[in-house]
Amino acid sequence: MGKYIDLTPENFDQVTGSGVSLVDFWAPWCGPCRMIAPVIEELAGEFEGKANVCKVNTDEQQDLAVKYGIRSIPTIIFMKDGEIVDQMVGAASKQAFVDKINSLL
């Protein structure tokens, strides 16, 4: 199990500005978010040093959710060097996330 990065408006650009980042927009009350949480933690371990695996609690960071146009959760955005290159809405398989990250590395 790795440690994902909790993103806030203060560290978002710094963390996602270079390399590949997976950003999971979630909330504690969201069932599908809780379903994929262990997968996100596994990815943080597997991609440590290769990609940033991050989470944004939309209840606590509403400004970031608005800025990135998050309308439903979970929404996972994939970024490369600060640019959004893809996004997935809803729960998906671990393999789907792995394949997407690998395609960006």
PDB file of N, CA and C in Angstrom:
ATOM      1  N   MET A   1       0.845  -1.202   0.000  1.00  0.00           N
ATOM      2  CA  MET A   1       0.000   0.000   0.000  1.00  0.00           C
ATOM      3  C   MET A   1       0.880   1.252   0.000  1.00  0.00           C
ATOM      4  N   GLY A   2       0.598   2.116  -0.915  1.00  0.00           N
ATOM      5  CA  GLY A   2       1.364   3.352  -0.969  1.00  0.00           C
ATOM      6  C   GLY A   2       0.582   4.474  -0.331  1.00  0.00           C
ATOM      7  N   LYS A   3       1.161   5.627  -0.352  1.00  0.00           N
ATOM      8  CA  LYS A   3       0.488   6.787   0.204  1.00  0.00           C
ATOM      9  C   LYS A   3       0.133   7.715  -0.936  1.00  0.00           C
ATOM     10  N   TYR A   4      -1.145   7.891  -1.129  1.00  0.00           N
ATOM     11  CA  TYR A   4      -1.576   8.862  -2.124  1.00  0.00           C
ATOM     12  C   TYR A   4      -1.394  10.252  -1.541  1.00  0.00           C
ATOM     13  N   ILE A   5      -1.478  11.258  -2.390  1.00  0.00           N
ATOM     14  CA  ILE A   5      -1.270  12.643  -1.981  1.00  0.00           C
ATOM     15  C   ILE A   5      -2.627  13.326  -1.881  1.00  0.00           C
ATOM     16  N   ASP A   6      -2.926  13.912  -0.733  1.00  0.00           N
ATOM     17  CA  ASP A   6      -4.146  14.709  -0.593  1.00  0.00           C
ATOM     18  C   ASP A   6      -3.887  16.080  -1.196  1.00  0.00           C
ATOM     19  N   LEU A   7      -4.700  16.454  -2.165  1.00  0.00           N
ATOM     20  CA  LEU A   7      -4.492  17.732  -2.839  1.00  0.00           C
ATOM     21  C   LEU A   7      -5.389  18.824  -2.268  1.00  0.00           C
ATOM     22  N   THR A   8      -4.814  20.009  -2.208  1.00  0.00           N
ATOM     23  CA  THR A   8      -5.519  21.213  -1.771  1.00  0.00           C
ATOM     24  C   THR A   8      -5.204  22.298  -2.813  1.00  0.00           C
ATOM     25  N   PRO A   9      -5.917  23.426  -2.770  1.00  0.00           N
ATOM     26  CA  PRO A   9      -5.575  24.497  -3.718  1.00  0.00           C
ATOM     27  C   PRO A   9      -4.111  24.930  -3.585  1.00  0.00           C
ATOM     28  N   GLU A  10      -3.539  24.770  -2.387  1.00  0.00           N
ATOM     29  CA  GLU A  10      -2.167  25.216  -2.145  1.00  0.00           C
ATOM     30  C   GLU A  10      -1.140  24.318  -2.833  1.00  0.00           C
ATOM     31  N   ASN A  11      -1.395  23.005  -2.909  1.00  0.00           N
ATOM     32  CA  ASN A  11      -0.360  22.115  -3.461  1.00  0.00           C
ATOM     33  C   ASN A  11      -0.727  21.503  -4.814  1.00  0.00           C
ATOM     34  N   PHE A  12      -1.943  21.754  -5.319  1.00  0.00           N
ATOM     35  CA  PHE A  12      -2.418  21.091  -6.537  1.00  0.00           C
ATOM     36  C   PHE A  12      -1.473  21.285  -7.715  1.00  0.00           C
ATOM     37  N   ASP A  13      -1.188  22.540  -8.062  1.00  0.00           N
ATOM     38  CA  ASP A  13      -0.361  22.814  -9.241  1.00  0.00           C
ATOM     39  C   ASP A  13       1.062  22.298  -9.061  1.00  0.00           C
ATOM     40  N   GLN A  14       1.579  22.386  -7.840  1.00  0.00           N
ATOM     41  CA  GLN A  14       2.941  21.933  -7.568  1.00  0.00           C
ATOM     42  C   GLN A  14       3.045  20.420  -7.785  1.00  0.00           C
ATOM     43  N   VAL A  15       2.058  19.672  -7.278  1.00  0.00           N
ATOM     44  CA  VAL A  15       2.101  18.211  -7.377  1.00  0.00           C
ATOM     45  C   VAL A  15       1.821  17.736  -8.801  1.00  0.00           C
ATOM     46  N   THR A  16       0.816  18.330  -9.470  1.00  0.00           N
ATOM     47  CA  THR A  16       0.402  17.837 -10.791  1.00  0.00           C
ATOM     48  C   THR A  16       1.113  18.528 -11.947  1.00  0.00           C
ATOM     49  N   GLY A  17       1.987  19.476 -11.638  1.00  0.00           N
ATOM     50  CA  GLY A  17       2.614  20.285 -12.680  1.00  0.00           C
ATOM     51  C   GLY A  17       3.626  19.574 -13.535  1.00  0.00           C
ATOM     52  N   SER A  18       4.195  18.471 -13.038  1.00  0.00           N
ATOM     53  CA  SER A  18       5.159  17.738 -13.862  1.00  0.00           C
ATOM     54  C   SER A  18       4.912  16.245 -13.721  1.00  0.00           C
ATOM     55  N   GLY A  19       5.169  15.545 -14.809  1.00  0.00           N
ATOM     56  CA  GLY A  19       4.961  14.105 -14.816  1.00  0.00           C
ATOM     57  C   GLY A  19       3.496  13.741 -14.971  1.00  0.00           C
ATOM     58  N   VAL A  20       3.193  12.492 -14.661  1.00  0.00           N
ATOM     59  CA  VAL A  20       1.851  11.942 -14.806  1.00  0.00           C
ATOM     60  C   VAL A  20       1.173  11.909 -13.442  1.00  0.00           C
ATOM     61  N   SER A  21      -0.096  12.338 -13.411  1.00  0.00           N
ATOM     62  CA  SER A  21      -0.854  12.328 -12.165  1.00  0.00           C
ATOM     63  C   SER A  21      -2.241  11.732 -12.400  1.00  0.00           C
ATOM     64  N   LEU A  22      -2.669  10.913 -11.458  1.00  0.00           N
ATOM     65  CA  LEU A  22      -4.052  10.454 -11.384  1.00  0.00           C
ATOM     66  C   LEU A  22      -4.656  11.212 -10.221  1.00  0.00           C
ATOM     67  N   VAL A  23      -5.773  11.903 -10.449  1.00  0.00           N
ATOM     68  CA  VAL A  23      -6.426  12.673  -9.388  1.00  0.00           C
ATOM     69  C   VAL A  23      -7.848  12.151  -9.222  1.00  0.00           C
ATOM     70  N   ASP A  24      -8.117  11.609  -8.035  1.00  0.00           N
ATOM     71  CA  ASP A  24      -9.421  11.036  -7.705  1.00  0.00           C
ATOM     72  C   ASP A  24     -10.227  12.077  -6.930  1.00  0.00           C
ATOM     73  N   PHE A  25     -11.291  12.582  -7.545  1.00  0.00           N
ATOM     74  CA  PHE A  25     -12.218  13.485  -6.856  1.00  0.00           C
ATOM     75  C   PHE A  25     -13.276  12.619  -6.193  1.00  0.00           C
ATOM     76  N   TRP A  26     -13.383  12.703  -4.869  1.00  0.00           N
ATOM     77  CA  TRP A  26     -14.236  11.798  -4.104  1.00  0.00           C
ATOM     78  C   TRP A  26     -14.874  12.530  -2.930  1.00  0.00           C
ATOM     79  N   ALA A  27     -15.762  11.839  -2.215  1.00  0.00           N
ATOM     80  CA  ALA A  27     -16.350  12.351  -0.970  1.00  0.00           C
ATOM     81  C   ALA A  27     -16.618  11.166  -0.044  1.00  0.00           C
ATOM     82  N   PRO A  28     -16.571  11.410   1.271  1.00  0.00           N
ATOM     83  CA  PRO A  28     -16.728  10.310   2.233  1.00  0.00           C
ATOM     84  C   PRO A  28     -18.087   9.611   2.150  1.00  0.00           C
ATOM     85  N   TRP A  29     -19.116  10.309   1.710  1.00  0.00           N
ATOM     86  CA  TRP A  29     -20.466   9.737   1.677  1.00  0.00           C
ATOM     87  C   TRP A  29     -20.766   8.979   0.391  1.00  0.00           C
ATOM     88  N   CYS A  30     -19.832   8.964  -0.539  1.00  0.00           N
ATOM     89  CA  CYS A  30     -20.043   8.387  -1.870  1.00  0.00           C
ATOM     90  C   CYS A  30     -19.667   6.907  -1.882  1.00  0.00           C
ATOM     91  N   GLY A  31     -20.663   6.050  -2.118  1.00  0.00           N
ATOM     92  CA  GLY A  31     -20.433   4.606  -2.122  1.00  0.00           C
ATOM     93  C   GLY A  31     -19.407   4.143  -3.143  1.00  0.00           C
ATOM     94  N   PRO A  32     -19.572   4.504  -4.441  1.00  0.00           N
ATOM     95  CA  PRO A  32     -18.576   4.092  -5.437  1.00  0.00           C
ATOM     96  C   PRO A  32     -17.175   4.623  -5.125  1.00  0.00           C
ATOM     97  N   CYS A  33     -17.099   5.803  -4.492  1.00  0.00           N
ATOM     98  CA  CYS A  33     -15.790   6.352  -4.103  1.00  0.00           C
ATOM     99  C   CYS A  33     -15.121   5.430  -3.081  1.00  0.00           C
ATOM    100  N   ARG A  34     -15.911   4.969  -2.117  1.00  0.00           N
ATOM    101  CA  ARG A  34     -15.370   4.067  -1.103  1.00  0.00           C
ATOM    102  C   ARG A  34     -14.966   2.734  -1.725  1.00  0.00           C
ATOM    103  N   MET A  35     -15.699   2.317  -2.757  1.00  0.00           N
ATOM    104  CA  MET A  35     -15.378   1.063  -3.443  1.00  0.00           C
ATOM    105  C   MET A  35     -14.003   1.116  -4.098  1.00  0.00           C
ATOM    106  N   ILE A  36     -13.665   2.230  -4.731  1.00  0.00           N
ATOM    107  CA  ILE A  36     -12.380   2.296  -5.444  1.00  0.00           C
ATOM    108  C   ILE A  36     -11.238   2.798  -4.564  1.00  0.00           C
ATOM    109  N   ALA A  37     -11.539   3.236  -3.346  1.00  0.00           N
ATOM    110  CA  ALA A  37     -10.479   3.768  -2.473  1.00  0.00           C
ATOM    111  C   ALA A  37      -9.311   2.787  -2.283  1.00  0.00           C
ATOM    112  N   PRO A  38      -9.565   1.502  -2.004  1.00  0.00           N
ATOM    113  CA  PRO A  38      -8.425   0.579  -1.844  1.00  0.00           C
ATOM    114  C   PRO A  38      -7.610   0.434  -3.126  1.00  0.00           C
ATOM    115  N   VAL A  39      -8.265   0.515  -4.271  1.00  0.00           N
ATOM    116  CA  VAL A  39      -7.573   0.434  -5.555  1.00  0.00           C
ATOM    117  C   VAL A  39      -6.652   1.638  -5.725  1.00  0.00           C
ATOM    118  N   ILE A  40      -7.154   2.828  -5.370  1.00  0.00           N
ATOM    119  CA  ILE A  40      -6.337   4.043  -5.477  1.00  0.00           C
ATOM    120  C   ILE A  40      -5.103   3.915  -4.588  1.00  0.00           C
ATOM    121  N   GLU A  41      -5.279   3.358  -3.378  1.00  0.00           N
ATOM    122  CA  GLU A  41      -4.132   3.175  -2.482  1.00  0.00           C
ATOM    123  C   GLU A  41      -3.126   2.186  -3.055  1.00  0.00           C
ATOM    124  N   GLU A  42      -3.607   1.103  -3.668  1.00  0.00           N
ATOM    125  CA  GLU A  42      -2.699   0.148  -4.297  1.00  0.00           C
ATOM    126  C   GLU A  42      -1.918   0.808  -5.429  1.00  0.00           C
ATOM    127  N   LEU A  43      -2.611   1.603  -6.226  1.00  0.00           N
ATOM    128  CA  LEU A  43      -1.947   2.296  -7.337  1.00  0.00           C
ATOM    129  C   LEU A  43      -0.863   3.233  -6.817  1.00  0.00           C
ATOM    130  N   ALA A  44      -1.135   3.898  -5.693  1.00  0.00           N
ATOM    131  CA  ALA A  44      -0.142   4.812  -5.112  1.00  0.00           C
ATOM    132  C   ALA A  44       1.142   4.061  -4.808  1.00  0.00           C
ATOM    133  N   GLY A  45       1.018   2.822  -4.327  1.00  0.00           N
ATOM    134  CA  GLY A  45       2.199   2.011  -4.038  1.00  0.00           C
ATOM    135  C   GLY A  45       2.884   1.537  -5.304  1.00  0.00           C
ATOM    136  N   GLU A  46       2.085   1.049  -6.242  1.00  0.00           N
ATOM    137  CA  GLU A  46       2.661   0.467  -7.461  1.00  0.00           C
ATOM    138  C   GLU A  46       3.326   1.504  -8.356  1.00  0.00           C
ATOM    139  N   PHE A  47       2.824   2.718  -8.333  1.00  0.00           N
ATOM    140  CA  PHE A  47       3.378   3.754  -9.222  1.00  0.00           C
ATOM    141  C   PHE A  47       4.244   4.763  -8.481  1.00  0.00           C
ATOM    142  N   GLU A  48       4.587   4.449  -7.235  1.00  0.00           N
ATOM    143  CA  GLU A  48       5.429   5.357  -6.452  1.00  0.00           C
ATOM    144  C   GLU A  48       6.721   5.652  -7.208  1.00  0.00           C
ATOM    145  N   GLY A  49       7.037   6.932  -7.340  1.00  0.00           N
ATOM    146  CA  GLY A  49       8.245   7.321  -8.066  1.00  0.00           C
ATOM    147  C   GLY A  49       8.050   7.408  -9.570  1.00  0.00           C
ATOM    148  N   LYS A  50       6.892   6.933 -10.072  1.00  0.00           N
ATOM    149  CA  LYS A  50       6.638   6.971 -11.516  1.00  0.00           C
ATOM    150  C   LYS A  50       5.491   7.916 -11.861  1.00  0.00           C
ATOM    151  N   ALA A  51       4.467   7.929 -11.006  1.00  0.00           N
ATOM    152  CA  ALA A  51       3.304   8.784 -11.240  1.00  0.00           C
ATOM    153  C   ALA A  51       2.768   9.252  -9.891  1.00  0.00           C
ATOM    154  N   ASN A  52       2.131  10.417  -9.886  1.00  0.00           N
ATOM    155  CA  ASN A  52       1.504  10.929  -8.666  1.00  0.00           C
ATOM    156  C   ASN A  52       0.085  10.375  -8.591  1.00  0.00           C
ATOM    157  N   VAL A  53      -0.239   9.742  -7.476  1.00  0.00           N
ATOM    158  CA  VAL A  53      -1.607   9.262  -7.266  1.00  0.00           C
ATOM    159  C   VAL A  53      -2.189  10.127  -6.156  1.00  0.00           C
ATOM    160  N   CYS A  54      -3.245  10.871  -6.493  1.00  0.00           N
ATOM    161  CA  CYS A  54      -3.745  11.922  -5.619  1.00  0.00           C
ATOM    162  C   CYS A  54      -5.248  11.793  -5.410  1.00  0.00           C
ATOM    163  N   LYS A  55      -5.713  12.389  -4.313  1.00  0.00           N
ATOM    164  CA  LYS A  55      -7.138  12.422  -4.026  1.00  0.00           C
ATOM    165  C   LYS A  55      -7.539  13.841  -3.653  1.00  0.00           C
ATOM    166  N   VAL A  56      -8.756  14.216  -4.039  1.00  0.00           N
ATOM    167  CA  VAL A  56      -9.330  15.508  -3.665  1.00  0.00           C
ATOM    168  C   VAL A  56     -10.679  15.220  -3.020  1.00  0.00           C
ATOM    169  N   ASN A  57     -10.797  15.548  -1.735  1.00  0.00           N
ATOM    170  CA  ASN A  57     -12.075  15.412  -1.038  1.00  0.00           C
ATOM    171  C   ASN A  57     -12.940  16.597  -1.460  1.00  0.00           C
ATOM    172  N   THR A  58     -13.976  16.326  -2.254  1.00  0.00           N
ATOM    173  CA  THR A  58     -14.767  17.424  -2.814  1.00  0.00           C
ATOM    174  C   THR A  58     -15.582  18.162  -1.757  1.00  0.00           C
ATOM    175  N   ASP A  59     -15.837  17.521  -0.614  1.00  0.00           N
ATOM    176  CA  ASP A  59     -16.535  18.215   0.471  1.00  0.00           C
ATOM    177  C   ASP A  59     -15.640  19.293   1.070  1.00  0.00           C
ATOM    178  N   GLU A  60     -14.341  18.978   1.187  1.00  0.00           N
ATOM    179  CA  GLU A  60     -13.401  19.908   1.813  1.00  0.00           C
ATOM    180  C   GLU A  60     -12.794  20.878   0.807  1.00  0.00           C
ATOM    181  N   GLN A  61     -12.719  20.465  -0.458  1.00  0.00           N
ATOM    182  CA  GLN A  61     -12.040  21.279  -1.486  1.00  0.00           C
ATOM    183  C   GLN A  61     -13.015  21.617  -2.614  1.00  0.00           C
ATOM    184  N   GLN A  62     -14.100  22.276  -2.261  1.00  0.00           N
ATOM    185  CA  GLN A  62     -15.125  22.583  -3.257  1.00  0.00           C
ATOM    186  C   GLN A  62     -14.596  23.475  -4.374  1.00  0.00           C
ATOM    187  N   ASP A  63     -13.658  24.353  -4.053  1.00  0.00           N
ATOM    188  CA  ASP A  63     -13.102  25.243  -5.081  1.00  0.00           C
ATOM    189  C   ASP A  63     -12.419  24.450  -6.188  1.00  0.00           C
ATOM    190  N   LEU A  64     -11.686  23.395  -5.808  1.00  0.00           N
ATOM    191  CA  LEU A  64     -11.007  22.569  -6.813  1.00  0.00           C
ATOM    192  C   LEU A  64     -12.022  21.804  -7.652  1.00  0.00           C
ATOM    193  N   ALA A  65     -13.072  21.298  -7.013  1.00  0.00           N
ATOM    194  CA  ALA A  65     -14.108  20.567  -7.748  1.00  0.00           C
ATOM    195  C   ALA A  65     -14.760  21.485  -8.784  1.00  0.00           C
ATOM    196  N   VAL A  66     -15.025  22.721  -8.396  1.00  0.00           N
ATOM    197  CA  VAL A  66     -15.633  23.692  -9.316  1.00  0.00           C
ATOM    198  C   VAL A  66     -14.647  24.026 -10.441  1.00  0.00           C
ATOM    199  N   LYS A  67     -13.388  24.281 -10.062  1.00  0.00           N
ATOM    200  CA  LYS A  67     -12.373  24.655 -11.045  1.00  0.00           C
ATOM    201  C   LYS A  67     -12.229  23.594 -12.141  1.00  0.00           C
ATOM    202  N   TYR A  68     -12.320  22.327 -11.749  1.00  0.00           N
ATOM    203  CA  TYR A  68     -12.130  21.244 -12.711  1.00  0.00           C
ATOM    204  C   TYR A  68     -13.446  20.678 -13.236  1.00  0.00           C
ATOM    205  N   GLY A  69     -14.550  21.351 -12.954  1.00  0.00           N
ATOM    206  CA  GLY A  69     -15.834  20.987 -13.541  1.00  0.00           C
ATOM    207  C   GLY A  69     -16.349  19.624 -13.121  1.00  0.00           C
ATOM    208  N   ILE A  70     -16.063  19.252 -11.882  1.00  0.00           N
ATOM    209  CA  ILE A  70     -16.496  17.942 -11.395  1.00  0.00           C
ATOM    210  C   ILE A  70     -17.983  18.011 -11.059  1.00  0.00           C
ATOM    211  N   ARG A  71     -18.780  17.215 -11.768  1.00  0.00           N
ATOM    212  CA  ARG A  71     -20.227  17.213 -11.551  1.00  0.00           C
ATOM    213  C   ARG A  71     -20.727  15.953 -10.886  1.00  0.00           C
ATOM    214  N   SER A  72     -19.986  14.859 -11.046  1.00  0.00           N
ATOM    215  CA  SER A  72     -20.364  13.628 -10.352  1.00  0.00           C
ATOM    216  C   SER A  72     -19.083  12.969  -9.849  1.00  0.00           C
ATOM    217  N   ILE A  73     -19.235  12.205  -8.790  1.00  0.00           N
ATOM    218  CA  ILE A  73     -18.071  11.547  -8.222  1.00  0.00           C
ATOM    219  C   ILE A  73     -18.362  10.060  -8.094  1.00  0.00           C
ATOM    220  N   PRO A  74     -17.343   9.213  -8.139  1.00  0.00           N
ATOM    221  CA  PRO A  74     -15.949   9.611  -8.344  1.00  0.00           C
ATOM    222  C   PRO A  74     -15.681  10.033  -9.795  1.00  0.00           C
ATOM    223  N   THR A  75     -14.873  11.072  -9.932  1.00  0.00           N
ATOM    224  CA  THR A  75     -14.308  11.435 -11.229  1.00  0.00           C
ATOM    225  C   THR A  75     -12.798  11.352 -11.068  1.00  0.00           C
ATOM    226  N   ILE A  76     -12.171  10.629 -11.965  1.00  0.00           N
ATOM    227  CA  ILE A  76     -10.717  10.500 -11.932  1.00  0.00           C
ATOM    228  C   ILE A  76     -10.183  11.225 -13.158  1.00  0.00           C
ATOM    229  N   ILE A  77      -9.331  12.216 -12.913  1.00  0.00           N
ATOM    230  CA  ILE A  77      -8.715  12.893 -14.049  1.00  0.00           C
ATOM    231  C   ILE A  77      -7.253  12.463 -14.138  1.00  0.00           C
ATOM    232  N   PHE A  78      -6.789  12.367 -15.366  1.00  0.00           N
ATOM    233  CA  PHE A  78      -5.404  12.000 -15.633  1.00  0.00           C
ATOM    234  C   PHE A  78      -4.725  13.230 -16.209  1.00  0.00           C
ATOM    235  N   MET A  79      -3.593  13.583 -15.610  1.00  0.00           N
ATOM    236  CA  MET A  79      -2.880  14.783 -16.030  1.00  0.00           C
ATOM    237  C   MET A  79      -1.452  14.426 -16.425  1.00  0.00           C
ATOM    238  N   LYS A  80      -0.950  15.158 -17.383  1.00  0.00           N
ATOM    239  CA  LYS A  80       0.455  15.023 -17.759  1.00  0.00           C
ATOM    240  C   LYS A  80       1.032  16.420 -17.846  1.00  0.00           C
ATOM    241  N   ASP A  81       2.047  16.671 -17.035  1.00  0.00           N
ATOM    242  CA  ASP A  81       2.721  17.972 -17.004  1.00  0.00           C
ATOM    243  C   ASP A  81       1.735  19.128 -16.836  1.00  0.00           C
ATOM    244  N   GLY A  82       0.752  18.943 -15.953  1.00  0.00           N
ATOM    245  CA  GLY A  82      -0.174  20.007 -15.614  1.00  0.00           C
ATOM    246  C   GLY A  82      -1.390  20.115 -16.515  1.00  0.00           C
ATOM    247  N   GLU A  83      -1.441  19.322 -17.573  1.00  0.00           N
ATOM    248  CA  GLU A  83      -2.569  19.362 -18.508  1.00  0.00           C
ATOM    249  C   GLU A  83      -3.456  18.139 -18.311  1.00  0.00           C
ATOM    250  N   ILE A  84      -4.776  18.339 -18.329  1.00  0.00           N
ATOM    251  CA  ILE A  84      -5.698  17.208 -18.256  1.00  0.00           C
ATOM    252  C   ILE A  84      -5.702  16.512 -19.615  1.00  0.00           C
ATOM    253  N   VAL A  85      -5.408  15.210 -19.602  1.00  0.00           N
ATOM    254  CA  VAL A  85      -5.362  14.463 -20.862  1.00  0.00           C
ATOM    255  C   VAL A  85      -6.521  13.473 -20.983  1.00  0.00           C
ATOM    256  N   ASP A  86      -7.147  13.114 -19.861  1.00  0.00           N
ATOM    257  CA  ASP A  86      -8.271  12.192 -19.922  1.00  0.00           C
ATOM    258  C   ASP A  86      -9.004  12.221 -18.596  1.00  0.00           C
ATOM    259  N   GLN A  87     -10.226  11.682 -18.588  1.00  0.00           N
ATOM    260  CA  GLN A  87     -10.921  11.529 -17.318  1.00  0.00           C
ATOM    261  C   GLN A  87     -11.892  10.372 -17.404  1.00  0.00           C
ATOM    262  N   MET A  88     -12.162   9.779 -16.241  1.00  0.00           N
ATOM    263  CA  MET A  88     -13.105   8.679 -16.116  1.00  0.00           C
ATOM    264  C   MET A  88     -14.095   9.060 -15.028  1.00  0.00           C
ATOM    265  N   VAL A  89     -15.385   8.828 -15.286  1.00  0.00           N
ATOM    266  CA  VAL A  89     -16.406   9.119 -14.287  1.00  0.00           C
ATOM    267  C   VAL A  89     -16.993   7.798 -13.817  1.00  0.00           C
ATOM    268  N   GLY A  90     -17.080   7.647 -12.487  1.00  0.00           N
ATOM    269  CA  GLY A  90     -17.626   6.419 -11.925  1.00  0.00           C
ATOM    270  C   GLY A  90     -16.526   5.430 -11.594  1.00  0.00           C
ATOM    271  N   ALA A  91     -16.914   4.375 -10.893  1.00  0.00           N
ATOM    272  CA  ALA A  91     -15.962   3.352 -10.512  1.00  0.00           C
ATOM    273  C   ALA A  91     -15.511   2.580 -11.749  1.00  0.00           C
ATOM    274  N   ALA A  92     -14.256   2.206 -11.776  1.00  0.00           N
ATOM    275  CA  ALA A  92     -13.715   1.412 -12.874  1.00  0.00           C
ATOM    276  C   ALA A  92     -12.790   0.357 -12.272  1.00  0.00           C
ATOM    277  N   SER A  93     -12.375  -0.578 -13.104  1.00  0.00           N
ATOM    278  CA  SER A  93     -11.500  -1.637 -12.616  1.00  0.00           C
ATOM    279  C   SER A  93     -10.086  -1.097 -12.397  1.00  0.00           C
ATOM    280  N   LYS A  94      -9.359  -1.782 -11.536  1.00  0.00           N
ATOM    281  CA  LYS A  94      -7.971  -1.403 -11.300  1.00  0.00           C
ATOM    282  C   LYS A  94      -7.199  -1.438 -12.612  1.00  0.00           C
ATOM    283  N   GLN A  95      -7.462  -2.460 -13.426  1.00  0.00           N
ATOM    284  CA  GLN A  95      -6.740  -2.601 -14.689  1.00  0.00           C
ATOM    285  C   GLN A  95      -6.960  -1.398 -15.605  1.00  0.00           C
ATOM    286  N   ALA A  96      -8.180  -0.859 -15.595  1.00  0.00           N
ATOM    287  CA  ALA A  96      -8.468   0.313 -16.424  1.00  0.00           C
ATOM    288  C   ALA A  96      -7.592   1.488 -16.015  1.00  0.00           C
ATOM    289  N   PHE A  97      -7.415   1.674 -14.693  1.00  0.00           N
ATOM    290  CA  PHE A  97      -6.555   2.763 -14.202  1.00  0.00           C
ATOM    291  C   PHE A  97      -5.092   2.500 -14.551  1.00  0.00           C
ATOM    292  N   VAL A  98      -4.638   1.250 -14.345  1.00  0.00           N
ATOM    293  CA  VAL A  98      -3.254   0.878 -14.640  1.00  0.00           C
ATOM    294  C   VAL A  98      -2.943   1.126 -16.109  1.00  0.00           C
ATOM    295  N   ASP A  99      -3.844   0.661 -16.987  1.00  0.00           N
ATOM    296  CA  ASP A  99      -3.616   0.822 -18.431  1.00  0.00           C
ATOM    297  C   ASP A  99      -3.519   2.297 -18.804  1.00  0.00           C
ATOM    298  N   LYS A 100      -4.389   3.118 -18.204  1.00  0.00           N
ATOM    299  CA  LYS A 100      -4.394   4.550 -18.530  1.00  0.00           C
ATOM    300  C   LYS A 100      -3.100   5.205 -18.068  1.00  0.00           C
ATOM    301  N   ILE A 101      -2.681   4.916 -16.836  1.00  0.00           N
ATOM    302  CA  ILE A 101      -1.424   5.516 -16.331  1.00  0.00           C
ATOM    303  C   ILE A 101      -0.253   5.074 -17.204  1.00  0.00           C
ATOM    304  N   ASN A 102      -0.180   3.761 -17.490  1.00  0.00           N
ATOM    305  CA  ASN A 102       0.940   3.247 -18.296  1.00  0.00           C
ATOM    306  C   ASN A 102       0.976   3.894 -19.675  1.00  0.00           C
ATOM    307  N   SER A 103      -0.200   4.195 -20.244  1.00  0.00           N
ATOM    308  CA  SER A 103      -0.237   4.799 -21.575  1.00  0.00           C
ATOM    309  C   SER A 103       0.322   6.220 -21.554  1.00  0.00           C
ATOM    310  N   LEU A 104       0.350   6.841 -20.376  1.00  0.00           N
ATOM    311  CA  LEU A 104       0.849   8.219 -20.265  1.00  0.00           C
ATOM    312  C   LEU A 104       2.307   8.292 -19.848  1.00  0.00           C
ATOM    313  N   LEU A 105       2.829   7.218 -19.304  1.00  0.00           N
ATOM    314  CA  LEU A 105       4.222   7.233 -18.815  1.00  0.00           C
ATOM    315  C   LEU A 105       5.224   7.184 -19.961  1.00  0.00           C
TER     316      LEU A 105
END
